[in-house]
C-alpha atoms as a PDB file:
ATOM      1  CA  MET A   1      -0.037  -0.104   0.159  1.00  0.00           C
ATOM      2  CA  THR A   2       1.652   3.551  -1.208  1.00  0.00           C
ATOM      3  CA  ASN A   3       1.584   6.344   1.305  1.00  0.00           C
ATOM      4  CA  HIS A   4      -1.012   8.042  -0.694  1.00  0.00           C
ATOM      5  CA  GLN A   5      -3.273   5.288   0.002  1.00  0.00           C
ATOM      6  CA  LEU A   6      -2.597   5.509   3.867  1.00  0.00           C
ATOM      7  CA  SER A   7      -3.329   9.041   3.974  1.00  0.00           C
ATOM      8  CA  GLN A   8      -6.392   8.693   2.224  1.00  0.00           C
ATOM      9  CA  ALA A   9      -7.903   5.956   4.479  1.00  0.00           C
ATOM     10  CA  PHE A  10      -7.225   7.846   7.346  1.00  0.00           C
ATOM     11  CA  GLU A  11      -8.646  11.289   5.772  1.00  0.00           C
ATOM     12  CA  ASN A  12     -11.615   9.960   5.020  1.00  0.00           C
ATOM     13  CA  HIS A  13     -13.105   8.112   7.717  1.00  0.00           C
ATOM     14  CA  ILE A  14     -14.907  10.999   9.643  1.00  0.00           C
ATOM     15  CA  VAL A  15     -17.556   9.767  12.578  1.00  0.00           C
ATOM     16  CA  THR A  16     -19.760  12.178  14.477  1.00  0.00           C
ATOM     17  CA  LEU A  17     -19.452  11.012  18.247  1.00  0.00           C
ATOM     18  CA  ASP A  18     -20.986  11.810  21.638  1.00  0.00           C
ATOM     19  CA  VAL A  19     -18.501  14.195  23.115  1.00  0.00           C
ATOM     20  CA  ASN A  20     -18.908  12.120  26.860  1.00  0.00           C
ATOM     21  CA  SER A  21     -18.504   8.686  25.209  1.00  0.00           C
ATOM     22  CA  ILE A  22     -14.856   9.776  24.087  1.00  0.00           C
ATOM     23  CA  THR A  23     -11.714   8.388  26.265  1.00  0.00           C
ATOM     24  CA  PHE A  24      -8.818  10.611  26.771  1.00  0.00           C
ATOM     25  CA  SER A  25      -5.560   8.964  26.142  1.00  0.00           C
ATOM     26  CA  LYS A  26      -3.896  11.799  28.631  1.00  0.00           C
ATOM     27  CA  GLU A  27      -4.524  13.491  31.877  1.00  0.00           C
ATOM     28  CA  ILE A  28      -5.581  17.096  31.467  1.00  0.00           C
ATOM     29  CA  ASN A  29      -3.927  19.560  33.948  1.00  0.00           C
ATOM     30  CA  PRO A  30      -6.358  21.510  35.969  1.00  0.00           C
ATOM     31  CA  GLN A  31      -4.196  24.555  35.553  1.00  0.00           C
ATOM     32  CA  VAL A  32      -4.290  24.315  32.107  1.00  0.00           C
ATOM     33  CA  LEU A  33      -7.944  24.607  31.829  1.00  0.00           C
ATOM     34  CA  ALA A  34      -7.335  28.011  33.386  1.00  0.00           C
ATOM     35  CA  CYS A  35      -4.929  29.234  31.200  1.00  0.00           C
ATOM     36  CA  LYS A  36      -5.790  32.029  28.890  1.00  0.00           C
ATOM     37  CA  LYS A  37      -4.849  29.631  25.723  1.00  0.00           C
ATOM     38  CA  PHE A  38      -8.072  27.533  26.858  1.00  0.00           C
ATOM     39  CA  GLN A  39     -10.318  30.509  27.162  1.00  0.00           C
ATOM     40  CA  VAL A  40      -9.245  31.111  23.407  1.00  0.00           C
ATOM     41  CA  ILE A  41     -10.115  27.952  22.126  1.00  0.00           C
ATOM     42  CA  VAL A  42     -13.305  27.885  23.775  1.00  0.00           C
ATOM     43  CA  SER A  43     -14.125  31.480  22.563  1.00  0.00           C
ATOM     44  CA  SER A  44     -13.052  30.168  19.066  1.00  0.00           C
ATOM     45  CA  ILE A  45     -15.128  27.058  19.126  1.00  0.00           C
ATOM     46  CA  LYS A  46     -18.300  28.943  20.411  1.00  0.00           C
ATOM     47  CA  GLU A  47     -18.344  31.648  17.836  1.00  0.00           C
ATOM     48  CA  VAL A  48     -16.942  29.743  14.458  1.00  0.00           C
ATOM     49  CA  GLY A  49     -16.775  26.038  15.428  1.00  0.00           C
ATOM     50  CA  ILE A  50     -13.848  23.662  15.516  1.00  0.00           C
ATOM     51  CA  ILE A  51     -11.640  24.237  12.479  1.00  0.00           C
ATOM     52  CA  GLU A  52      -9.688  21.015  12.869  1.00  0.00           C
ATOM     53  CA  PRO A  53     -11.606  17.824  13.752  1.00  0.00           C
ATOM     54  CA  PRO A  54      -9.939  15.896  16.645  1.00  0.00           C
ATOM     55  CA  VAL A  55      -8.444  12.298  16.324  1.00  0.00           C
ATOM     56  CA  VAL A  56      -9.675   9.278  17.567  1.00  0.00           C
ATOM     57  CA  THR A  57      -9.105   5.682  17.110  1.00  0.00           C
ATOM     58  CA  THR A  58     -10.994   2.680  18.124  1.00  0.00           C
ATOM     59  CA  LYS A  59     -10.244   0.758  21.243  1.00  0.00           C
ATOM     60  CA  ASN A  60     -12.047  -2.082  23.568  1.00  0.00           C
ATOM     61  CA  GLY A  61     -15.499  -1.296  21.248  1.00  0.00           C
ATOM     62  CA  GLY A  62     -14.904   2.559  22.421  1.00  0.00           C
ATOM     63  CA  TYR A  63     -13.204   5.591  20.879  1.00  0.00           C
ATOM     64  CA  LEU A  64     -10.159   6.373  22.469  1.00  0.00           C
ATOM     65  CA  LEU A  65      -8.668  10.379  21.547  1.00  0.00           C
ATOM     66  CA  LEU A  66      -5.221  10.611  20.208  1.00  0.00           C
ATOM     67  CA  ASP A  67      -5.245  14.441  19.023  1.00  0.00           C
ATOM     68  CA  GLY A  68      -7.604  17.107  20.728  1.00  0.00           C
ATOM     69  CA  HIS A  69      -7.987  17.122  23.635  1.00  0.00           C
ATOM     70  CA  LEU A  70      -8.469  20.793  24.558  1.00  0.00           C
ATOM     71  CA  ARG A  71     -10.682  20.826  21.846  1.00  0.00           C
ATOM     72  CA  ILE A  72     -12.627  17.938  23.346  1.00  0.00           C
ATOM     73  CA  SER A  73     -12.483  19.824  27.342  1.00  0.00           C
ATOM     74  CA  ALA A  74     -13.960  22.867  25.404  1.00  0.00           C
ATOM     75  CA  LEU A  75     -16.798  21.403  24.040  1.00  0.00           C
ATOM     76  CA  LYS A  76     -17.729  19.693  27.072  1.00  0.00           C
ATOM     77  CA  LYS A  77     -17.496  23.302  29.115  1.00  0.00           C
ATOM     78  CA  LEU A  78     -19.759  24.618  26.305  1.00  0.00           C
ATOM     79  CA  ASN A  79     -22.093  21.479  26.599  1.00  0.00           C
ATOM     80  CA  ILE A  80     -21.679  20.819  23.050  1.00  0.00           C
ATOM     81  CA  PRO A  81     -22.968  16.976  22.893  1.00  0.00           C
ATOM     82  CA  GLN A  82     -21.476  16.125  19.701  1.00  0.00           C
ATOM     83  CA  VAL A  83     -18.274  16.184  17.231  1.00  0.00           C
ATOM     84  CA  SER A  84     -17.157  15.130  14.114  1.00  0.00           C
ATOM     85  CA  CYS A  85     -13.547  13.285  14.366  1.00  0.00           C
ATOM     86  CA  LEU A  86     -10.980  11.952  12.399  1.00  0.00           C
ATOM     87  CA  LEU A  87     -10.812   7.966  12.659  1.00  0.00           C
ATOM     88  CA  SER A  88      -7.313   6.802  12.610  1.00  0.00           C
ATOM     89  CA  THR A  89      -7.541   3.024  11.649  1.00  0.00           C
ATOM     90  CA  ASP A  90      -4.534   2.432  13.561  1.00  0.00           C
ATOM     91  CA  ASP A  91      -3.477   3.432  17.197  1.00  0.00           C
ATOM     92  CA  GLU A  92      -1.295   6.173  16.713  1.00  0.00           C
ATOM     93  CA  GLY A  93      -1.062   6.875  20.287  1.00  0.00           C
ATOM     94  CA  PHE A  94       2.856   6.666  20.082  1.00  0.00           C
ATOM     95  CA  THR A  95       2.823   9.579  17.195  1.00  0.00           C
ATOM     96  CA  TYR A  96       1.199  11.941  18.932  1.00  0.00           C
ATOM     97  CA  ASN A  97       2.562  14.206  21.697  1.00  0.00           C
ATOM     98  CA  LYS A  98       1.145  13.334  24.770  1.00  0.00           C
ATOM     99  CA  HIS A  99       2.924  15.614  26.754  1.00  0.00           C
ATOM    100  CA  VAL A 100       1.468  18.920  25.108  1.00  0.00           C
ATOM    101  CA  ASN A 101      -1.228  20.571  26.725  1.00  0.00           C
ATOM    102  CA  ARG A 102      -0.997  24.200  25.793  1.00  0.00           C
ATOM    103  CA  LEU A 103      -1.470  25.372  22.241  1.00  0.00           C
ATOM    104  CA  SER A 104       1.607  26.138  20.182  1.00  0.00           C
ATOM    105  CA  ASN A 105       2.121  28.662  17.875  1.00  0.00           C
ATOM    106  CA  VAL A 106       2.428  26.574  14.635  1.00  0.00           C
ATOM    107  CA  GLN A 107      -1.133  24.842  15.890  1.00  0.00           C
ATOM    108  CA  GLU A 108      -2.899  28.454  16.589  1.00  0.00           C
ATOM    109  CA  HIS A 109      -1.617  29.598  13.219  1.00  0.00           C
ATOM    110  CA  LYS A 110      -3.041  26.405  11.428  1.00  0.00           C
ATOM    111  CA  MET A 111      -6.318  27.246  13.300  1.00  0.00           C
ATOM    112  CA  ILE A 112      -6.587  30.791  12.399  1.00  0.00           C
ATOM    113  CA  VAL A 113      -5.314  29.891   8.529  1.00  0.00           C
ATOM    114  CA  LYS A 114      -8.038  27.385   8.469  1.00  0.00           C
ATOM    115  CA  ALA A 115     -10.905  29.878   9.981  1.00  0.00           C
ATOM    116  CA  ILE A 116      -9.819  32.277   7.456  1.00  0.00           C
ATOM    117  CA  GLU A 117     -10.038  29.565   4.486  1.00  0.00           C
ATOM    118  CA  ARG A 118     -13.764  29.007   5.727  1.00  0.00           C
ATOM    119  CA  GLY A 119     -14.585  32.546   5.261  1.00  0.00           C
ATOM    120  CA  VAL A 120     -14.300  33.918   8.887  1.00  0.00           C
ATOM    121  CA  PRO A 121     -13.332  37.684   8.793  1.00  0.00           C
ATOM    122  CA  ILE A 122      -9.912  38.433  10.361  1.00  0.00           C
ATOM    123  CA  GLU A 123     -11.849  41.205  12.534  1.00  0.00           C
ATOM    124  CA  ARG A 124     -14.465  38.387  13.905  1.00  0.00           C
ATOM    125  CA  LEU A 125     -11.359  36.055  14.627  1.00  0.00           C
ATOM    126  CA  ALA A 126      -9.653  38.969  16.316  1.00  0.00           C
ATOM    127  CA  LYS A 127     -12.677  39.571  18.667  1.00  0.00           C
ATOM    128  CA  VAL A 128     -13.147  35.882  19.317  1.00  0.00           C
ATOM    129  CA  LEU A 129      -9.448  35.527  20.243  1.00  0.00           C
ATOM    130  CA  ASP A 130      -8.951  38.600  22.224  1.00  0.00           C
ATOM    131  CA  MET A 131      -6.455  40.325  19.820  1.00  0.00           C
ATOM    132  CA  ASP A 132      -5.581  42.886  17.978  1.00  0.00           C
ATOM    133  CA  PRO A 133      -6.226  42.225  13.945  1.00  0.00           C
ATOM    134  CA  ALA A 134      -2.667  43.096  13.144  1.00  0.00           C
ATOM    135  CA  ASN A 135      -1.712  40.264  15.673  1.00  0.00           C
ATOM    136  CA  VAL A 136      -3.933  37.977  13.987  1.00  0.00           C
ATOM    137  CA  ILE A 137      -2.356  38.573  10.582  1.00  0.00           C
ATOM    138  CA  ARG A 138       1.095  38.430  12.155  1.00  0.00           C
ATOM    139  CA  LYS A 139      -0.051  34.568  13.591  1.00  0.00           C
ATOM    140  CA  LYS A 140      -1.536  33.868   9.978  1.00  0.00           C
ATOM    141  CA  ASN A 141       1.702  34.878   8.081  1.00  0.00           C
ATOM    142  CA  LEU A 142       3.764  32.976  10.848  1.00  0.00           C
ATOM    143  CA  LEU A 143       5.142  30.358   8.644  1.00  0.00           C
ATOM    144  CA  ASP A 144       5.366  32.647   5.497  1.00  0.00           C
ATOM    145  CA  GLY A 145       9.300  31.576   4.410  1.00  0.00           C
ATOM    146  CA  ILE A 146       9.463  28.855   6.982  1.00  0.00           C
ATOM    147  CA  ASP A 147      10.658  25.277   5.468  1.00  0.00           C
ATOM    148  CA  PRO A 148       8.035  22.770   6.057  1.00  0.00           C
ATOM    149  CA  GLU A 149      10.324  20.295   7.741  1.00  0.00           C
ATOM    150  CA  ALA A 150      11.111  22.806  10.067  1.00  0.00           C
ATOM    151  CA  SER A 151       7.715  23.872  11.022  1.00  0.00           C
ATOM    152  CA  GLU A 152       6.662  20.427  11.579  1.00  0.00           C
ATOM    153  CA  LEU A 153       9.714  19.709  13.896  1.00  0.00           C
ATOM    154  CA  LEU A 154       8.422  22.585  15.919  1.00  0.00           C
ATOM    155  CA  LYS A 155       4.523  22.105  15.715  1.00  0.00           C
ATOM    156  CA  ASP A 156       3.766  20.710  18.903  1.00  0.00           C
ATOM    157  CA  LYS A 157       6.474  23.049  20.574  1.00  0.00           C
ATOM    158  CA  ILE A 158       5.738  26.387  23.020  1.00  0.00           C
ATOM    159  CA  ILE A 159       7.759  28.901  20.888  1.00  0.00           C
ATOM    160  CA  SER A 160       8.692  32.389  21.752  1.00  0.00           C
ATOM    161  CA  GLY A 161       7.007  34.504  18.461  1.00  0.00           C
ATOM    162  CA  GLY A 162      10.254  35.709  18.017  1.00  0.00           C
ATOM    163  CA  VAL A 163      12.081  32.376  16.953  1.00  0.00           C
ATOM    164  CA  PHE A 164      10.426  32.501  13.564  1.00  0.00           C
ATOM    165  CA  THR A 165      11.813  35.863  13.000  1.00  0.00           C
ATOM    166  CA  TYR A 166      15.350  34.354  12.897  1.00  0.00           C
ATOM    167  CA  LEU A 167      14.622  31.455  11.288  1.00  0.00           C
ATOM    168  CA  LYS A 168      13.289  33.426   8.307  1.00  0.00           C
ATOM    169  CA  LYS A 169      16.585  35.094   7.693  1.00  0.00           C
ATOM    170  CA  MET A 170      17.879  31.468   6.944  1.00  0.00           C
ATOM    171  CA  ARG A 171      18.007  29.169   4.473  1.00  0.00           C
ATOM    172  CA  PRO A 172      15.646  26.082   4.513  1.00  0.00           C
ATOM    173  CA  GLN A 173      18.792  23.619   5.666  1.00  0.00           C
ATOM    174  CA  ARG A 174      19.436  25.819   8.202  1.00  0.00           C
ATOM    175  CA  GLN A 175      16.310  26.217   9.351  1.00  0.00           C
ATOM    176  CA  VAL A 176      15.915  22.327   9.727  1.00  0.00           C
ATOM    177  CA  GLU A 177      19.305  22.282  11.490  1.00  0.00           C
ATOM    178  CA  ALA A 178      18.158  25.068  13.701  1.00  0.00           C
ATOM    179  CA  ALA A 179      14.809  23.353  14.595  1.00  0.00           C
ATOM    180  CA  ASN A 180      16.759  20.377  15.447  1.00  0.00           C
ATOM    181  CA  LEU A 181      19.250  21.816  17.742  1.00  0.00           C
ATOM    182  CA  MET A 182      16.469  23.964  19.765  1.00  0.00           C
ATOM    183  CA  ASN A 183      14.559  20.293  19.889  1.00  0.00           C
ATOM    184  CA  ASP A 184      17.686  18.317  21.212  1.00  0.00           C
ATOM    185  CA  MET A 185      18.846  21.077  23.753  1.00  0.00           C
ATOM    186  CA  GLY A 186      15.009  21.910  24.671  1.00  0.00           C
ATOM    187  CA  ASN A 187      15.515  25.474  24.228  1.00  0.00           C
ATOM    188  CA  TYR A 188      12.890  27.506  22.160  1.00  0.00           C
ATOM    189  CA  THR A 189      14.012  31.167  22.763  1.00  0.00           C
ATOM    190  CA  ALA A 190      14.340  33.923  20.588  1.00  0.00           C
ATOM    191  CA  LYS A 191      17.781  34.144  22.446  1.00  0.00           C
ATOM    192  CA  PHE A 192      18.966  30.498  21.327  1.00  0.00           C
ATOM    193  CA  ALA A 193      17.500  31.166  17.888  1.00  0.00           C
ATOM    194  CA  ARG A 194      19.622  34.515  17.415  1.00  0.00           C
ATOM    195  CA  SER A 195      22.524  32.944  18.815  1.00  0.00           C
ATOM    196  CA  ILE A 196      22.038  30.287  16.285  1.00  0.00           C
ATOM    197  CA  TRP A 197      21.594  33.014  13.495  1.00  0.00           C
ATOM    198  CA  LEU A 198      24.493  34.516  14.395  1.00  0.00           C
ATOM    199  CA  ALA A 199      26.670  31.457  14.281  1.00  0.00           C
ATOM    200  CA  SER A 200      25.697  30.602  11.167  1.00  0.00           C
ATOM    201  CA  SER A 201      27.774  31.010   8.063  1.00  0.00           C
ATOM    202  CA  ASP A 202      26.765  33.878   5.489  1.00  0.00           C
ATOM    203  CA  LYS A 203      26.201  30.719   3.153  1.00  0.00           C
ATOM    204  CA  GLN A 204      23.626  29.371   5.469  1.00  0.00           C
ATOM    205  CA  LEU A 205      21.426  33.047   5.688  1.00  0.00           C
ATOM    206  CA  LEU A 206      19.406  34.748   3.142  1.00  0.00           C
ATOM    207  CA  ASN A 207      21.187  37.569   3.636  1.00  0.00           C
ATOM    208  CA  PRO A 208      24.790  38.017   5.211  1.00  0.00           C
ATOM    209  CA  LEU A 209      25.223  39.498   8.303  1.00  0.00           C
ATOM    210  CA  LYS A 210      27.629  42.685   8.658  1.00  0.00           C
ATOM    211  CA  ARG A 211      30.402  41.293  10.932  1.00  0.00           C
ATOM    212  CA  ALA A 212      32.755  43.274  12.636  1.00  0.00           C
ATOM    213  CA  ASN A 213      35.667  41.147  11.431  1.00  0.00           C
ATOM    214  CA  THR A 214      36.326  37.575  10.150  1.00  0.00           C
ATOM    215  CA  LEU A 215      37.554  36.537  14.113  1.00  0.00           C
ATOM    216  CA  ASP A 216      34.408  36.547  14.988  1.00  0.00           C
ATOM    217  CA  VAL A 217      32.602  34.718  12.293  1.00  0.00           C
ATOM    218  CA  GLU A 218      35.691  31.594  13.099  1.00  0.00           C
ATOM    219  CA  LYS A 219      34.941  31.708  16.929  1.00  0.00           C
ATOM    220  CA  LEU A 220      31.046  31.531  16.533  1.00  0.00           C
ATOM    221  CA  GLY A 221      32.111  28.624  14.050  1.00  0.00           C
ATOM    222  CA  ARG A 222      34.126  27.002  16.446  1.00  0.00           C
ATOM    223  CA  LEU A 223      31.363  27.143  19.409  1.00  0.00           C
ATOM    224  CA  GLU A 224      28.876  25.796  16.965  1.00  0.00           C
ATOM    225  CA  SER A 225      31.042  22.797  16.315  1.00  0.00           C
ATOM    226  CA  GLU A 226      31.477  22.509  20.435  1.00  0.00           C
ATOM    227  CA  VAL A 227      27.576  22.894  20.947  1.00  0.00           C
ATOM    228  CA  SER A 228      27.114  20.143  18.218  1.00  0.00           C
ATOM    229  CA  LYS A 229      29.716  18.007  19.668  1.00  0.00           C
ATOM    230  CA  VAL A 230      28.468  18.313  23.238  1.00  0.00           C
ATOM    231  CA  GLN A 231      24.868  17.795  21.881  1.00  0.00           C
ATOM    232  CA  GLY A 232      25.962  14.780  20.518  1.00  0.00           C
ATOM    233  CA  GLU A 233      27.722  13.405  23.548  1.00  0.00           C
ATOM    234  CA  TYR A 234      24.514  14.308  25.540  1.00  0.00           C
ATOM    235  CA  LYS A 235      22.431  12.110  22.998  1.00  0.00           C
ATOM    236  CA  ILE A 236      24.591   9.546  23.770  1.00  0.00           C
ATOM    237  CA  MET A 237      24.526   9.729  27.547  1.00  0.00           C
ATOM    238  CA  GLU A 238      20.669   9.909  27.278  1.00  0.00           C
ATOM    239  CA  ASP A 239      20.364   7.030  25.179  1.00  0.00           C
ATOM    240  CA  LYS A 240      22.496   4.750  27.664  1.00  0.00           C
ATOM    241  CA  TYR A 241      20.822   6.401  30.619  1.00  0.00           C
ATOM    242  CA  GLY A 242      17.652   3.646  30.846  1.00  0.00           C
ATOM    243  CA  ILE A 243      19.995   0.839  29.927  1.00  0.00           C
ATOM    244  CA  ASP A 244      22.513   1.517  32.674  1.00  0.00           C
ATOM    245  CA  VAL A 245      19.299   2.008  35.413  1.00  0.00           C
ATOM    246  CA  LEU A 246      17.978  -0.884  34.120  1.00  0.00           C
ATOM    247  CA  ASN A 247      21.607  -2.913  34.639  1.00  0.00           C
ATOM    248  CA  LEU A 248      22.101  -1.145  38.302  1.00  0.00           C
ATOM    249  CA  THR A 249      18.537  -2.409  39.324  1.00  0.00           C
ATOM    250  CA  LEU A 250      19.362  -6.157  38.151  1.00  0.00           C
ATOM    251  CA  VAL A 251      22.438  -5.956  40.022  1.00  0.00           C
ATOM    252  CA  LYS A 252      20.926  -4.634  42.992  1.00  0.00           C
ATOM    253  CA  GLY A 253      18.530  -7.449  42.914  1.00  0.00           C
ATOM    254  CA  TYR A 254      20.948 -10.011  42.430  1.00  0.00           C
ATOM    255  CA  ILE A 255      23.112  -8.643  45.434  1.00  0.00           C
ATOM    256  CA  ARG A 256      20.065  -8.415  47.358  1.00  0.00           C
ATOM    257  CA  SER A 257      19.757 -12.516  46.427  1.00  0.00           C
ATOM    258  CA  ILE A 258      23.218 -12.969  47.496  1.00  0.00           C
ATOM    259  CA  PHE A 259      22.450 -11.036  51.058  1.00  0.00           C
ATOM    260  CA  ALA A 260      19.327 -13.827  51.724  1.00  0.00           C
ATOM    261  CA  ASN A 261      21.832 -16.421  52.235  1.00  0.00           C
ATOM    262  CA  GLN A 262      23.899 -15.821  55.837  1.00  0.00           C
ATOM    263  CA  HIS A 263      26.517 -18.391  55.064  1.00  0.00           C
ATOM    264  CA  VAL A 264      27.753 -15.664  52.146  1.00  0.00           C
ATOM    265  CA  CYS A 265      27.260 -12.743  54.110  1.00  0.00           C
ATOM    266  CA  ASP A 266      29.233 -14.208  56.995  1.00  0.00           C
ATOM    267  CA  TYR A 267      31.913 -15.100  54.591  1.00  0.00           C
ATOM    268  CA  LEU A 268      31.954 -11.578  52.938  1.00  0.00           C
ATOM    269  CA  LYS A 269      32.363  -9.844  56.440  1.00  0.00           C
ATOM    270  CA  ALA A 270      35.367 -12.188  57.587  1.00  0.00           C
ATOM    271  CA  TYR A 271      37.318 -12.544  54.466  1.00  0.00           C
ATOM    272  CA  GLU A 272      35.897  -9.411  52.330  1.00  0.00           C
ATOM    273  CA  PRO A 273      34.963  -6.866  54.296  1.00  0.00           C
ATOM    274  CA  ASP A 274      35.154  -3.965  51.903  1.00  0.00           C
ATOM    275  CA  ILE A 275      33.367  -5.618  49.488  1.00  0.00           C
ATOM    276  CA  TYR A 276      30.215  -6.325  51.910  1.00  0.00           C
ATOM    277  CA  ARG A 277      30.394  -3.051  52.625  1.00  0.00           C
ATOM    278  CA  GLN A 278      29.856  -1.881  49.345  1.00  0.00           C
ATOM    279  CA  PHE A 279      27.089  -4.738  48.870  1.00  0.00           C
ATOM    280  CA  GLU A 280      25.593  -3.656  51.691  1.00  0.00           C
ATOM    281  CA  THR A 281      25.192   0.178  50.937  1.00  0.00           C
ATOM    282  CA  ILE A 282      23.918  -1.089  47.586  1.00  0.00           C
ATOM    283  CA  VAL A 283      21.039  -3.137  48.962  1.00  0.00           C
ATOM    284  CA  GLU A 284      20.064  -0.622  51.321  1.00  0.00           C
ATOM    285  CA  LEU A 285      19.735   2.277  48.842  1.00  0.00           C
ATOM    286  CA  GLU A 286      16.223   3.090  47.839  1.00  0.00           C
ATOM    287  CA  ASN A 287      17.045   5.040  44.547  1.00  0.00           C
ATOM    288  CA  VAL A 288      19.130   3.606  41.975  1.00  0.00           C
ATOM    289  CA  ASN A 289      20.302   6.860  40.765  1.00  0.00           C
ATOM    290  CA  ALA A 290      22.364   7.465  44.202  1.00  0.00           C
ATOM    291  CA  LEU A 291      24.742   5.003  42.908  1.00  0.00           C
ATOM    292  CA  ASN A 292      25.958   7.862  41.009  1.00  0.00           C
ATOM    293  CA  ASP A 293      27.204   9.500  44.307  1.00  0.00           C
ATOM    294  CA  ARG A 294      29.011   7.096  45.806  1.00  0.00           C
ATOM    295  CA  PRO A 295      32.606   7.014  45.881  1.00  0.00           C
ATOM    296  CA  PHE A 296      32.992   3.621  44.782  1.00  0.00           C
END
């Protein structure tokens, strides 16, 4: 089956469901439901309806919500009983980011674009979203000049609006590199985006920077190389961390089973007291991570 066929199979399955029959795949923090972003979603749905349908999949005879938790929460608050959803034929639960509860800039941009495409005037959108019409236009044009791959990498991230200003100064490949770097470092501030922009070579930018001297360019290039190196080392450590914790947990369990044998304990106390003390310390640890702090 081709990718086109997969896409069509997904998009053509629209189901109308009772809102209360949909099971959430994640919990919503009550604080999120009190934030301004959620109120914007409520106001938007009240005035112009749902722009982007929630996504569900069938599970255990019911419907599991994969994407659109805040939209469904807004419908419940508005006492709207039914909603049209996109039905995924597969469990896409691992595809959607289950840790995102707030409306990202990219998601907000898509919501505004779809509303305008459906004929909603900008002035009405501005009133619904409680913002200046000029701000609505800025959000509508948010991704103009942004490479699609870069926007996909940042679509569910809570990002400072200034980030896109600096991304637009870069060529498409550099935008993707910058988006990956921000994801790897978990830093989505405009200052970090500006530092990436400043560290870019002229060939990576749409317009060359006016630099004081070539030495600064060399320093920034070396800095970027060092950041990339540290980033690579961090990723390796992050990937190994889970395996290391698992191994340490298994070791702790094995040592505990040894300590269950009194004859072994007596032997270690008598002939290998140093090993016995270290084993004893490991067994008594409540948190395996504390092993990192032990001077073994």
